[in-house]
Every structure is written in structure tokens, then in C-alpha cells.
Amino acid sequence: MTYVVLDNCIACKHTDCVEVCPVDCFYEGENMLVIHPDECIDCGVCEPECPVDAIRPDTEPDMEKWVEFNREYSEKWPVIITKVDPLPDAEKLDGVENKLETHFSPNPGKGG
């Protein structure tokens, strides 16, 4: 099992999760985070830290797409281990549907 970041992180990018991760497996895009599924040790400490419920175990239904999405972008984006402020519209965009199609940016974040 591994944990993955889902589309509700897009345009929110809360980073509470990166501070509790013992193996630094979070990677930062311009407007979301992902988890490298091969680096995640399945400890689960990140899941309750996400205020928008965007981190889920891959054992839930239909997670294959998100495992591959997280793998792809974790290999392109820099690692992030330090908490930063969420994006300005995070509260307003929490729970918006279809954010992958309407708000996702493939550009890397700053990392750090």
C-alpha cells in the first residue's frame, strides 16, 4: 500500500503533510503536491494532516490513475520538506470538482 495525493490538492497546496513525513516523499508542483509511491513507507501520518482530504490510501477504489499520476510528477518535480503557506484561493477552491481538468499546472514548484 501507498498513499497518493488527489485532485483536491490542486490550487490549494496545503503543506502540513510534508512536515510530518518521515521519508520526505512529497514533491511540489506549481499548484499541488504529489507523493512518490515507491518512496512512501505507508505510515499514514500525512493523511490526517491534510485539511482538504486530498491524501488517500491506494487501496480505495479507482486509485490506479492517481498512483501513476503521483509517480509521473514526483519524478519531474522537486522534493519539498518545509511547510509553506497554502495558495491564496485554497479555501475558495476546496472541494471544487474537476480541478485536474480546469486548474492543474504541470509546472514544477520551488521545492525546499
PDB file of N, CA and C in Angstrom:
ATOM      1  N   MET A   1       0.833  -1.183   0.000  1.00  0.00           N
ATOM      2  CA  MET A   1       0.000   0.000   0.000  1.00  0.00           C
ATOM      3  C   MET A   1       0.879   1.248   0.000  1.00  0.00           C
ATOM      4  N   THR A   2       0.354   2.299  -0.582  1.00  0.00           N
ATOM      5  CA  THR A   2       0.995   3.613  -0.562  1.00  0.00           C
ATOM      6  C   THR A   2      -0.096   4.664  -0.438  1.00  0.00           C
ATOM      7  N   TYR A   3       0.287   5.860  -0.170  1.00  0.00           N
ATOM      8  CA  TYR A   3      -0.654   6.975  -0.150  1.00  0.00           C
ATOM      9  C   TYR A   3      -0.427   7.825  -1.379  1.00  0.00           C
ATOM     10  N   VAL A   4      -1.481   8.471  -1.848  1.00  0.00           N
ATOM     11  CA  VAL A   4      -1.390   9.328  -3.028  1.00  0.00           C
ATOM     12  C   VAL A   4      -2.149  10.626  -2.766  1.00  0.00           C
ATOM     13  N   VAL A   5      -1.763  11.644  -3.521  1.00  0.00           N
ATOM     14  CA  VAL A   5      -2.446  12.932  -3.445  1.00  0.00           C
ATOM     15  C   VAL A   5      -3.456  12.988  -4.590  1.00  0.00           C
ATOM     16  N   LEU A   6      -4.671  13.414  -4.275  1.00  0.00           N
ATOM     17  CA  LEU A   6      -5.750  13.515  -5.259  1.00  0.00           C
ATOM     18  C   LEU A   6      -5.941  14.957  -5.708  1.00  0.00           C
ATOM     19  N   ASP A   7      -6.891  15.145  -6.613  1.00  0.00           N
ATOM     20  CA  ASP A   7      -7.078  16.443  -7.251  1.00  0.00           C
ATOM     21  C   ASP A   7      -7.574  17.557  -6.342  1.00  0.00           C
ATOM     22  N   ASN A   8      -8.069  17.252  -5.156  1.00  0.00           N
ATOM     23  CA  ASN A   8      -8.493  18.362  -4.305  1.00  0.00           C
ATOM     24  C   ASN A   8      -7.305  19.186  -3.802  1.00  0.00           C
ATOM     25  N   CYS A   9      -6.107  18.669  -3.922  1.00  0.00           N
ATOM     26  CA  CYS A   9      -4.907  19.439  -3.574  1.00  0.00           C
ATOM     27  C   CYS A   9      -4.653  20.550  -4.601  1.00  0.00           C
ATOM     28  N   ILE A  10      -5.083  20.330  -5.818  1.00  0.00           N
ATOM     29  CA  ILE A  10      -4.839  21.295  -6.896  1.00  0.00           C
ATOM     30  C   ILE A  10      -5.432  22.645  -6.528  1.00  0.00           C
ATOM     31  N   ALA A  11      -4.630  23.677  -6.676  1.00  0.00           N
ATOM     32  CA  ALA A  11      -4.988  25.076  -6.415  1.00  0.00           C
ATOM     33  C   ALA A  11      -5.180  25.369  -4.936  1.00  0.00           C
ATOM     34  N   CYS A  12      -4.902  24.401  -4.073  1.00  0.00           N
ATOM     35  CA  CYS A  12      -4.934  24.613  -2.619  1.00  0.00           C
ATOM     36  C   CYS A  12      -3.502  24.528  -2.079  1.00  0.00           C
ATOM     37  N   LYS A  13      -2.883  23.377  -2.268  1.00  0.00           N
ATOM     38  CA  LYS A  13      -1.494  23.079  -1.904  1.00  0.00           C
ATOM     39  C   LYS A  13      -1.165  23.411  -0.455  1.00  0.00           C
ATOM     40  N   HIS A  14      -1.918  22.806   0.434  1.00  0.00           N
ATOM     41  CA  HIS A  14      -1.548  22.871   1.855  1.00  0.00           C
ATOM     42  C   HIS A  14      -0.333  21.973   2.035  1.00  0.00           C
ATOM     43  N   THR A  15       0.591  22.354   2.871  1.00  0.00           N
ATOM     44  CA  THR A  15       1.823  21.574   3.030  1.00  0.00           C
ATOM     45  C   THR A  15       2.030  21.067   4.460  1.00  0.00           C
ATOM     46  N   ASP A  16       0.969  20.984   5.217  1.00  0.00           N
ATOM     47  CA  ASP A  16       1.064  20.442   6.575  1.00  0.00           C
ATOM     48  C   ASP A  16       1.653  19.030   6.542  1.00  0.00           C
ATOM     49  N   CYS A  17       1.340  18.296   5.504  1.00  0.00           N
ATOM     50  CA  CYS A  17       1.749  16.901   5.353  1.00  0.00           C
ATOM     51  C   CYS A  17       3.258  16.724   5.233  1.00  0.00           C
ATOM     52  N   VAL A  18       3.935  17.676   4.607  1.00  0.00           N
ATOM     53  CA  VAL A  18       5.368  17.480   4.353  1.00  0.00           C
ATOM     54  C   VAL A  18       6.184  17.504   5.631  1.00  0.00           C
ATOM     55  N   GLU A  19       5.715  18.235   6.630  1.00  0.00           N
ATOM     56  CA  GLU A  19       6.463  18.323   7.894  1.00  0.00           C
ATOM     57  C   GLU A  19       6.418  17.031   8.697  1.00  0.00           C
ATOM     58  N   VAL A  20       5.374  16.241   8.536  1.00  0.00           N
ATOM     59  CA  VAL A  20       5.258  15.009   9.321  1.00  0.00           C
ATOM     60  C   VAL A  20       5.801  13.783   8.593  1.00  0.00           C
ATOM     61  N   CYS A  21       6.087  13.903   7.311  1.00  0.00           N
ATOM     62  CA  CYS A  21       6.560  12.752   6.532  1.00  0.00           C
ATOM     63  C   CYS A  21       7.972  12.362   6.965  1.00  0.00           C
ATOM     64  N   PRO A  22       8.152  11.127   7.448  1.00  0.00           N
ATOM     65  CA  PRO A  22       9.481  10.713   7.914  1.00  0.00           C
ATOM     66  C   PRO A  22      10.465  10.373   6.800  1.00  0.00           C
ATOM     67  N   VAL A  23       9.984  10.258   5.557  1.00  0.00           N
ATOM     68  CA  VAL A  23      10.888   9.862   4.473  1.00  0.00           C
ATOM     69  C   VAL A  23      10.967  10.894   3.343  1.00  0.00           C
ATOM     70  N   ASP A  24      10.368  12.051   3.516  1.00  0.00           N
ATOM     71  CA  ASP A  24      10.459  13.133   2.532  1.00  0.00           C
ATOM     72  C   ASP A  24      10.082  12.675   1.126  1.00  0.00           C
ATOM     73  N   CYS A  25       8.881  12.107   1.004  1.00  0.00           N
ATOM     74  CA  CYS A  25       8.449  11.585  -0.296  1.00  0.00           C
ATOM     75  C   CYS A  25       7.438  12.490  -1.000  1.00  0.00           C
ATOM     76  N   PHE A  26       7.308  13.748  -0.545  1.00  0.00           N
ATOM     77  CA  PHE A  26       6.418  14.708  -1.199  1.00  0.00           C
ATOM     78  C   PHE A  26       7.200  15.543  -2.201  1.00  0.00           C
ATOM     79  N   TYR A  27       6.555  15.790  -3.327  1.00  0.00           N
ATOM     80  CA  TYR A  27       7.162  16.592  -4.395  1.00  0.00           C
ATOM     81  C   TYR A  27       6.203  17.719  -4.748  1.00  0.00           C
ATOM     82  N   GLU A  28       6.784  18.880  -5.093  1.00  0.00           N
ATOM     83  CA  GLU A  28       5.980  20.075  -5.250  1.00  0.00           C
ATOM     84  C   GLU A  28       5.858  20.535  -6.693  1.00  0.00           C
ATOM     85  N   GLY A  29       4.614  20.644  -7.120  1.00  0.00           N
ATOM     86  CA  GLY A  29       4.313  21.294  -8.377  1.00  0.00           C
ATOM     87  C   GLY A  29       3.926  22.738  -8.124  1.00  0.00           C
ATOM     88  N   GLU A  30       3.683  23.456  -9.183  1.00  0.00           N
ATOM     89  CA  GLU A  30       3.321  24.861  -9.067  1.00  0.00           C
ATOM     90  C   GLU A  30       2.073  25.056  -8.205  1.00  0.00           C
ATOM     91  N   ASN A  31       1.085  24.133  -8.344  1.00  0.00           N
ATOM     92  CA  ASN A  31      -0.142  24.336  -7.571  1.00  0.00           C
ATOM     93  C   ASN A  31      -0.689  23.073  -6.897  1.00  0.00           C
ATOM     94  N   MET A  32       0.184  22.090  -6.671  1.00  0.00           N
ATOM     95  CA  MET A  32      -0.223  20.905  -5.902  1.00  0.00           C
ATOM     96  C   MET A  32       1.000  20.123  -5.470  1.00  0.00           C
ATOM     97  N   LEU A  33       0.782  19.127  -4.644  1.00  0.00           N
ATOM     98  CA  LEU A  33       1.825  18.205  -4.210  1.00  0.00           C
ATOM     99  C   LEU A  33       1.501  16.812  -4.723  1.00  0.00           C
ATOM    100  N   VAL A  34       2.515  15.965  -4.789  1.00  0.00           N
ATOM    101  CA  VAL A  34       2.325  14.543  -5.066  1.00  0.00           C
ATOM    102  C   VAL A  34       3.231  13.751  -4.135  1.00  0.00           C
ATOM    103  N   ILE A  35       2.936  12.472  -3.999  1.00  0.00           N
ATOM    104  CA  ILE A  35       3.737  11.544  -3.203  1.00  0.00           C
ATOM    105  C   ILE A  35       4.370  10.541  -4.156  1.00  0.00           C
ATOM    106  N   HIS A  36       5.666  10.304  -3.994  1.00  0.00           N
ATOM    107  CA  HIS A  36       6.303   9.266  -4.813  1.00  0.00           C
ATOM    108  C   HIS A  36       5.902   7.911  -4.236  1.00  0.00           C
ATOM    109  N   PRO A  37       5.136   7.119  -4.991  1.00  0.00           N
ATOM    110  CA  PRO A  37       4.621   5.863  -4.442  1.00  0.00           C
ATOM    111  C   PRO A  37       5.694   4.839  -4.091  1.00  0.00           C
ATOM    112  N   ASP A  38       6.866   4.932  -4.685  1.00  0.00           N
ATOM    113  CA  ASP A  38       7.938   3.991  -4.359  1.00  0.00           C
ATOM    114  C   ASP A  38       8.726   4.417  -3.123  1.00  0.00           C
ATOM    115  N   GLU A  39       8.587   5.674  -2.725  1.00  0.00           N
ATOM    116  CA  GLU A  39       9.295   6.175  -1.554  1.00  0.00           C
ATOM    117  C   GLU A  39       8.424   6.179  -0.303  1.00  0.00           C
ATOM    118  N   CYS A  40       7.122   6.218  -0.482  1.00  0.00           N
ATOM    119  CA  CYS A  40       6.181   6.229   0.633  1.00  0.00           C
ATOM    120  C   CYS A  40       6.310   4.917   1.410  1.00  0.00           C
ATOM    121  N   ILE A  41       6.392   5.025   2.741  1.00  0.00           N
ATOM    122  CA  ILE A  41       6.521   3.820   3.567  1.00  0.00           C
ATOM    123  C   ILE A  41       5.188   3.411   4.195  1.00  0.00           C
ATOM    124  N   ASP A  42       4.115   4.011   3.721  1.00  0.00           N
ATOM    125  CA  ASP A  42       2.765   3.627   4.132  1.00  0.00           C
ATOM    126  C   ASP A  42       2.488   3.852   5.618  1.00  0.00           C
ATOM    127  N   CYS A  43       3.132   4.837   6.205  1.00  0.00           N
ATOM    128  CA  CYS A  43       2.920   5.081   7.632  1.00  0.00           C
ATOM    129  C   CYS A  43       1.591   5.777   7.901  1.00  0.00           C
ATOM    130  N   GLY A  44       1.107   6.566   6.939  1.00  0.00           N
ATOM    131  CA  GLY A  44      -0.190   7.200   7.065  1.00  0.00           C
ATOM    132  C   GLY A  44      -0.239   8.461   7.907  1.00  0.00           C
ATOM    133  N   VAL A  45       0.887   8.949   8.397  1.00  0.00           N
ATOM    134  CA  VAL A  45       0.843  10.141   9.244  1.00  0.00           C
ATOM    135  C   VAL A  45       0.461  11.407   8.474  1.00  0.00           C
ATOM    136  N   CYS A  46       0.623  11.387   7.177  1.00  0.00           N
ATOM    137  CA  CYS A  46       0.293  12.564   6.363  1.00  0.00           C
ATOM    138  C   CYS A  46      -1.211  12.726   6.149  1.00  0.00           C
ATOM    139  N   GLU A  47      -1.924  11.634   6.061  1.00  0.00           N
ATOM    140  CA  GLU A  47      -3.343  11.682   5.698  1.00  0.00           C
ATOM    141  C   GLU A  47      -4.175  12.574   6.616  1.00  0.00           C
ATOM    142  N   PRO A  48      -4.082  12.451   7.939  1.00  0.00           N
ATOM    143  CA  PRO A  48      -4.906  13.315   8.788  1.00  0.00           C
ATOM    144  C   PRO A  48      -4.447  14.771   8.819  1.00  0.00           C
ATOM    145  N   GLU A  49      -3.249  15.039   8.339  1.00  0.00           N
ATOM    146  CA  GLU A  49      -2.737  16.408   8.330  1.00  0.00           C
ATOM    147  C   GLU A  49      -3.308  17.250   7.195  1.00  0.00           C
ATOM    148  N   CYS A  50      -3.866  16.623   6.188  1.00  0.00           N
ATOM    149  CA  CYS A  50      -4.376  17.351   5.023  1.00  0.00           C
ATOM    150  C   CYS A  50      -5.745  17.957   5.338  1.00  0.00           C
ATOM    151  N   PRO A  51      -5.838  19.289   5.356  1.00  0.00           N
ATOM    152  CA  PRO A  51      -7.118  19.912   5.704  1.00  0.00           C
ATOM    153  C   PRO A  51      -8.190  19.813   4.624  1.00  0.00           C
ATOM    154  N   VAL A  52      -7.812  19.368   3.416  1.00  0.00           N
ATOM    155  CA  VAL A  52      -8.794  19.252   2.330  1.00  0.00           C
ATOM    156  C   VAL A  52      -9.026  17.796   1.920  1.00  0.00           C
ATOM    157  N   ASP A  53      -8.556  16.856   2.734  1.00  0.00           N
ATOM    158  CA  ASP A  53      -8.770  15.424   2.490  1.00  0.00           C
ATOM    159  C   ASP A  53      -8.309  14.998   1.098  1.00  0.00           C
ATOM    160  N   ALA A  54      -7.130  15.459   0.710  1.00  0.00           N
ATOM    161  CA  ALA A  54      -6.600  15.137  -0.618  1.00  0.00           C
ATOM    162  C   ALA A  54      -5.589  13.997  -0.605  1.00  0.00           C
ATOM    163  N   ILE A  55      -5.313  13.424   0.549  1.00  0.00           N
ATOM    164  CA  ILE A  55      -4.377  12.301   0.639  1.00  0.00           C
ATOM    165  C   ILE A  55      -5.175  11.064   1.018  1.00  0.00           C
ATOM    166  N   ARG A  56      -5.037  10.038   0.194  1.00  0.00           N
ATOM    167  CA  ARG A  56      -5.818   8.815   0.389  1.00  0.00           C
ATOM    168  C   ARG A  56      -4.929   7.591   0.162  1.00  0.00           C
ATOM    169  N   PRO A  57      -5.265   6.455   0.776  1.00  0.00           N
ATOM    170  CA  PRO A  57      -4.526   5.225   0.508  1.00  0.00           C
ATOM    171  C   PRO A  57      -4.881   4.669  -0.878  1.00  0.00           C
ATOM    172  N   ASP A  58      -3.931   4.021  -1.488  1.00  0.00           N
ATOM    173  CA  ASP A  58      -4.177   3.471  -2.831  1.00  0.00           C
ATOM    174  C   ASP A  58      -5.071   2.242  -2.813  1.00  0.00           C
ATOM    175  N   THR A  59      -5.482   1.805  -1.642  1.00  0.00           N
ATOM    176  CA  THR A  59      -6.358   0.650  -1.536  1.00  0.00           C
ATOM    177  C   THR A  59      -7.830   1.004  -1.756  1.00  0.00           C
ATOM    178  N   GLU A  60      -8.132   2.282  -1.834  1.00  0.00           N
ATOM    179  CA  GLU A  60      -9.503   2.697  -2.120  1.00  0.00           C
ATOM    180  C   GLU A  60      -9.804   2.450  -3.598  1.00  0.00           C
ATOM    181  N   PRO A  61     -11.073   2.359  -3.968  1.00  0.00           N
ATOM    182  CA  PRO A  61     -11.432   2.098  -5.370  1.00  0.00           C
ATOM    183  C   PRO A  61     -10.922   3.182  -6.327  1.00  0.00           C
ATOM    184  N   ASP A  62     -10.538   2.754  -7.515  1.00  0.00           N
ATOM    185  CA  ASP A  62     -10.151   3.633  -8.621  1.00  0.00           C
ATOM    186  C   ASP A  62      -8.932   4.505  -8.326  1.00  0.00           C
ATOM    187  N   MET A  63      -7.983   3.988  -7.601  1.00  0.00           N
ATOM    188  CA  MET A  63      -6.784   4.762  -7.266  1.00  0.00           C
ATOM    189  C   MET A  63      -5.628   4.537  -8.234  1.00  0.00           C
ATOM    190  N   GLU A  64      -5.737   3.581  -9.144  1.00  0.00           N
ATOM    191  CA  GLU A  64      -4.627   3.295 -10.058  1.00  0.00           C
ATOM    192  C   GLU A  64      -4.206   4.546 -10.827  1.00  0.00           C
ATOM    193  N   LYS A  65      -5.170   5.311 -11.301  1.00  0.00           N
ATOM    194  CA  LYS A  65      -4.896   6.551 -12.036  1.00  0.00           C
ATOM    195  C   LYS A  65      -4.058   7.503 -11.190  1.00  0.00           C
ATOM    196  N   TRP A  66      -4.396   7.613  -9.901  1.00  0.00           N
ATOM    197  CA  TRP A  66      -3.695   8.555  -9.033  1.00  0.00           C
ATOM    198  C   TRP A  66      -2.315   8.052  -8.638  1.00  0.00           C
ATOM    199  N   VAL A  67      -2.143   6.753  -8.531  1.00  0.00           N
ATOM    200  CA  VAL A  67      -0.806   6.217  -8.262  1.00  0.00           C
ATOM    201  C   VAL A  67       0.117   6.586  -9.417  1.00  0.00           C
ATOM    202  N   GLU A  68      -0.329   6.379 -10.630  1.00  0.00           N
ATOM    203  CA  GLU A  68       0.500   6.711 -11.798  1.00  0.00           C
ATOM    204  C   GLU A  68       0.706   8.214 -11.942  1.00  0.00           C
ATOM    205  N   PHE A  69      -0.317   8.997 -11.661  1.00  0.00           N
ATOM    206  CA  PHE A  69      -0.197  10.455 -11.708  1.00  0.00           C
ATOM    207  C   PHE A  69       0.857  10.919 -10.700  1.00  0.00           C
ATOM    208  N   ASN A  70       0.772  10.418  -9.466  1.00  0.00           N
ATOM    209  CA  ASN A  70       1.741  10.789  -8.440  1.00  0.00           C
ATOM    210  C   ASN A  70       3.147  10.343  -8.829  1.00  0.00           C
ATOM    211  N   ARG A  71       3.272   9.154  -9.393  1.00  0.00           N
ATOM    212  CA  ARG A  71       4.580   8.661  -9.813  1.00  0.00           C
ATOM    213  C   ARG A  71       5.165   9.563 -10.907  1.00  0.00           C
ATOM    214  N   GLU A  72       4.368   9.873 -11.909  1.00  0.00           N
ATOM    215  CA  GLU A  72       4.849  10.684 -13.028  1.00  0.00           C
ATOM    216  C   GLU A  72       5.375  12.042 -12.568  1.00  0.00           C
ATOM    217  N   TYR A  73       4.594  12.729 -11.759  1.00  0.00           N
ATOM    218  CA  TYR A  73       5.002  14.086 -11.385  1.00  0.00           C
ATOM    219  C   TYR A  73       6.042  14.106 -10.272  1.00  0.00           C
ATOM    220  N   SER A  74       6.104  13.081  -9.445  1.00  0.00           N
ATOM    221  CA  SER A  74       7.152  13.054  -8.430  1.00  0.00           C
ATOM    222  C   SER A  74       8.525  12.859  -9.071  1.00  0.00           C
ATOM    223  N   GLU A  75       8.545  12.339 -10.276  1.00  0.00           N
ATOM    224  CA  GLU A  75       9.816  12.175 -10.987  1.00  0.00           C
ATOM    225  C   GLU A  75      10.201  13.428 -11.768  1.00  0.00           C
ATOM    226  N   LYS A  76       9.299  14.407 -11.843  1.00  0.00           N
ATOM    227  CA  LYS A  76       9.564  15.653 -12.576  1.00  0.00           C
ATOM    228  C   LYS A  76       9.735  16.864 -11.655  1.00  0.00           C
ATOM    229  N   TRP A  77       9.142  16.803 -10.476  1.00  0.00           N
ATOM    230  CA  TRP A  77       9.096  17.959  -9.578  1.00  0.00           C
ATOM    231  C   TRP A  77      10.101  17.815  -8.444  1.00  0.00           C
ATOM    232  N   PRO A  78      10.487  18.951  -7.813  1.00  0.00           N
ATOM    233  CA  PRO A  78      11.445  18.892  -6.702  1.00  0.00           C
ATOM    234  C   PRO A  78      10.795  18.435  -5.399  1.00  0.00           C
ATOM    235  N   VAL A  79      11.601  17.820  -4.554  1.00  0.00           N
ATOM    236  CA  VAL A  79      11.130  17.395  -3.237  1.00  0.00           C
ATOM    237  C   VAL A  79      10.832  18.630  -2.392  1.00  0.00           C
ATOM    238  N   ILE A  80       9.841  18.501  -1.520  1.00  0.00           N
ATOM    239  CA  ILE A  80       9.515  19.563  -0.571  1.00  0.00           C
ATOM    240  C   ILE A  80       9.456  18.955   0.823  1.00  0.00           C
ATOM    241  N   ILE A  81      10.153  19.593   1.768  1.00  0.00           N
ATOM    242  CA  ILE A  81      10.176  19.094   3.149  1.00  0.00           C
ATOM    243  C   ILE A  81       9.810  20.184   4.156  1.00  0.00           C
ATOM    244  N   THR A  82       9.619  21.396   3.665  1.00  0.00           N
ATOM    245  CA  THR A  82       9.332  22.530   4.537  1.00  0.00           C
ATOM    246  C   THR A  82       7.933  23.065   4.272  1.00  0.00           C
ATOM    247  N   LYS A  83       7.193  23.282   5.334  1.00  0.00           N
ATOM    248  CA  LYS A  83       5.839  23.814   5.209  1.00  0.00           C
ATOM    249  C   LYS A  83       5.880  25.261   4.693  1.00  0.00           C
ATOM    250  N   VAL A  84       4.992  25.532   3.735  1.00  0.00           N
ATOM    251  CA  VAL A  84       4.825  26.889   3.213  1.00  0.00           C
ATOM    252  C   VAL A  84       3.335  27.232   3.276  1.00  0.00           C
ATOM    253  N   ASP A  85       3.007  28.473   3.055  1.00  0.00           N
ATOM    254  CA  ASP A  85       1.611  28.892   3.079  1.00  0.00           C
ATOM    255  C   ASP A  85       0.839  28.253   1.931  1.00  0.00           C
ATOM    256  N   PRO A  86      -0.435  27.943   2.159  1.00  0.00           N
ATOM    257  CA  PRO A  86      -1.265  27.433   1.058  1.00  0.00           C
ATOM    258  C   PRO A  86      -1.459  28.518   0.006  1.00  0.00           C
ATOM    259  N   LEU A  87      -1.939  28.119  -1.137  1.00  0.00           N
ATOM    260  CA  LEU A  87      -2.194  29.087  -2.207  1.00  0.00           C
ATOM    261  C   LEU A  87      -3.305  30.045  -1.799  1.00  0.00           C
ATOM    262  N   PRO A  88      -3.298  31.261  -2.342  1.00  0.00           N
ATOM    263  CA  PRO A  88      -4.254  32.293  -1.914  1.00  0.00           C
ATOM    264  C   PRO A  88      -5.730  31.905  -2.007  1.00  0.00           C
ATOM    265  N   ASP A  89      -6.114  31.133  -3.002  1.00  0.00           N
ATOM    266  CA  ASP A  89      -7.516  30.761  -3.180  1.00  0.00           C
ATOM    267  C   ASP A  89      -7.846  29.384  -2.622  1.00  0.00           C
ATOM    268  N   ALA A  90      -6.996  28.863  -1.752  1.00  0.00           N
ATOM    269  CA  ALA A  90      -7.168  27.497  -1.242  1.00  0.00           C
ATOM    270  C   ALA A  90      -8.532  27.274  -0.617  1.00  0.00           C
ATOM    271  N   GLU A  91      -8.954  28.153   0.225  1.00  0.00           N
ATOM    272  CA  GLU A  91     -10.236  27.967   0.903  1.00  0.00           C
ATOM    273  C   GLU A  91     -11.392  28.005  -0.091  1.00  0.00           C
ATOM    274  N   LYS A  92     -11.328  28.924  -1.019  1.00  0.00           N
ATOM    275  CA  LYS A  92     -12.399  29.079  -2.005  1.00  0.00           C
ATOM    276  C   LYS A  92     -12.486  27.866  -2.949  1.00  0.00           C
ATOM    277  N   LEU A  93     -11.339  27.249  -3.252  1.00  0.00           N
ATOM    278  CA  LEU A  93     -11.314  26.160  -4.233  1.00  0.00           C
ATOM    279  C   LEU A  93     -11.388  24.762  -3.613  1.00  0.00           C
ATOM    280  N   ASP A  94     -11.423  24.680  -2.303  1.00  0.00           N
ATOM    281  CA  ASP A  94     -11.563  23.384  -1.637  1.00  0.00           C
ATOM    282  C   ASP A  94     -12.883  22.748  -2.058  1.00  0.00           C
ATOM    283  N   GLY A  95     -12.791  21.538  -2.598  1.00  0.00           N
ATOM    284  CA  GLY A  95     -13.983  20.787  -2.974  1.00  0.00           C
ATOM    285  C   GLY A  95     -14.524  21.058  -4.364  1.00  0.00           C
ATOM    286  N   VAL A  96     -13.911  21.965  -5.104  1.00  0.00           N
ATOM    287  CA  VAL A  96     -14.353  22.225  -6.473  1.00  0.00           C
ATOM    288  C   VAL A  96     -14.125  20.973  -7.310  1.00  0.00           C
ATOM    289  N   GLU A  97     -15.075  20.610  -8.114  1.00  0.00           N
ATOM    290  CA  GLU A  97     -14.992  19.398  -8.945  1.00  0.00           C
ATOM    291  C   GLU A  97     -14.130  19.632 -10.193  1.00  0.00           C
ATOM    292  N   ASN A  98     -13.571  18.562 -10.722  1.00  0.00           N
ATOM    293  CA  ASN A  98     -12.817  18.560 -11.985  1.00  0.00           C
ATOM    294  C   ASN A  98     -11.617  19.502 -11.990  1.00  0.00           C
ATOM    295  N   LYS A  99     -10.960  19.648 -10.864  1.00  0.00           N
ATOM    296  CA  LYS A  99      -9.801  20.550 -10.818  1.00  0.00           C
ATOM    297  C   LYS A  99      -8.641  20.059 -11.683  1.00  0.00           C
ATOM    298  N   LEU A 100      -8.559  18.765 -11.905  1.00  0.00           N
ATOM    299  CA  LEU A 100      -7.493  18.253 -12.763  1.00  0.00           C
ATOM    300  C   LEU A 100      -7.627  18.829 -14.166  1.00  0.00           C
ATOM    301  N   GLU A 101      -8.837  18.919 -14.656  1.00  0.00           N
ATOM    302  CA  GLU A 101      -9.081  19.443 -15.999  1.00  0.00           C
ATOM    303  C   GLU A 101      -9.068  20.973 -16.051  1.00  0.00           C
ATOM    304  N   THR A 102      -9.450  21.631 -14.966  1.00  0.00           N
ATOM    305  CA  THR A 102      -9.634  23.079 -15.014  1.00  0.00           C
ATOM    306  C   THR A 102      -8.540  23.900 -14.337  1.00  0.00           C
ATOM    307  N   HIS A 103      -7.789  23.330 -13.382  1.00  0.00           N
ATOM    308  CA  HIS A 103      -6.840  24.124 -12.615  1.00  0.00           C
ATOM    309  C   HIS A 103      -5.411  23.567 -12.553  1.00  0.00           C
ATOM    310  N   PHE A 104      -5.186  22.342 -12.969  1.00  0.00           N
ATOM    311  CA  PHE A 104      -3.876  21.712 -12.813  1.00  0.00           C
ATOM    312  C   PHE A 104      -2.800  22.378 -13.659  1.00  0.00           C
ATOM    313  N   SER A 105      -1.639  22.581 -13.036  1.00  0.00           N
ATOM    314  CA  SER A 105      -0.455  23.053 -13.751  1.00  0.00           C
ATOM    315  C   SER A 105       0.624  21.973 -13.679  1.00  0.00           C
ATOM    316  N   PRO A 106       1.197  21.574 -14.820  1.00  0.00           N
ATOM    317  CA  PRO A 106       2.265  20.581 -14.803  1.00  0.00           C
ATOM    318  C   PRO A 106       3.635  21.171 -14.429  1.00  0.00           C
ATOM    319  N   ASN A 107       3.698  22.471 -14.227  1.00  0.00           N
ATOM    320  CA  ASN A 107       4.964  23.130 -13.919  1.00  0.00           C
ATOM    321  C   ASN A 107       5.447  22.768 -12.518  1.00  0.00           C
ATOM    322  N   PRO A 108       6.762  22.666 -12.343  1.00  0.00           N
ATOM    323  CA  PRO A 108       7.303  22.350 -11.020  1.00  0.00           C
ATOM    324  C   PRO A 108       7.166  23.525 -10.051  1.00  0.00           C
ATOM    325  N   GLY A 109       7.163  23.195  -8.780  1.00  0.00           N
ATOM    326  CA  GLY A 109       7.215  24.214  -7.751  1.00  0.00           C
ATOM    327  C   GLY A 109       8.662  24.534  -7.406  1.00  0.00           C
ATOM    328  N   LYS A 110       8.850  25.228  -6.307  1.00  0.00           N
ATOM    329  CA  LYS A 110      10.196  25.640  -5.895  1.00  0.00           C
ATOM    330  C   LYS A 110      10.919  24.546  -5.123  1.00  0.00           C
ATOM    331  N   GLY A 111      10.161  23.675  -4.459  1.00  0.00           N
ATOM    332  CA  GLY A 111      10.797  22.679  -3.605  1.00  0.00           C
ATOM    333  C   GLY A 111      11.385  23.347  -2.378  1.00  0.00           C
ATOM    334  N   GLY A 112      12.012  22.534  -1.559  1.00  0.00           N
ATOM    335  CA  GLY A 112      12.671  23.126  -0.389  1.00  0.00           C
ATOM    336  C   GLY A 112      12.267  22.494   0.903  1.00  0.00           C
TER     337      GLY A 112
END
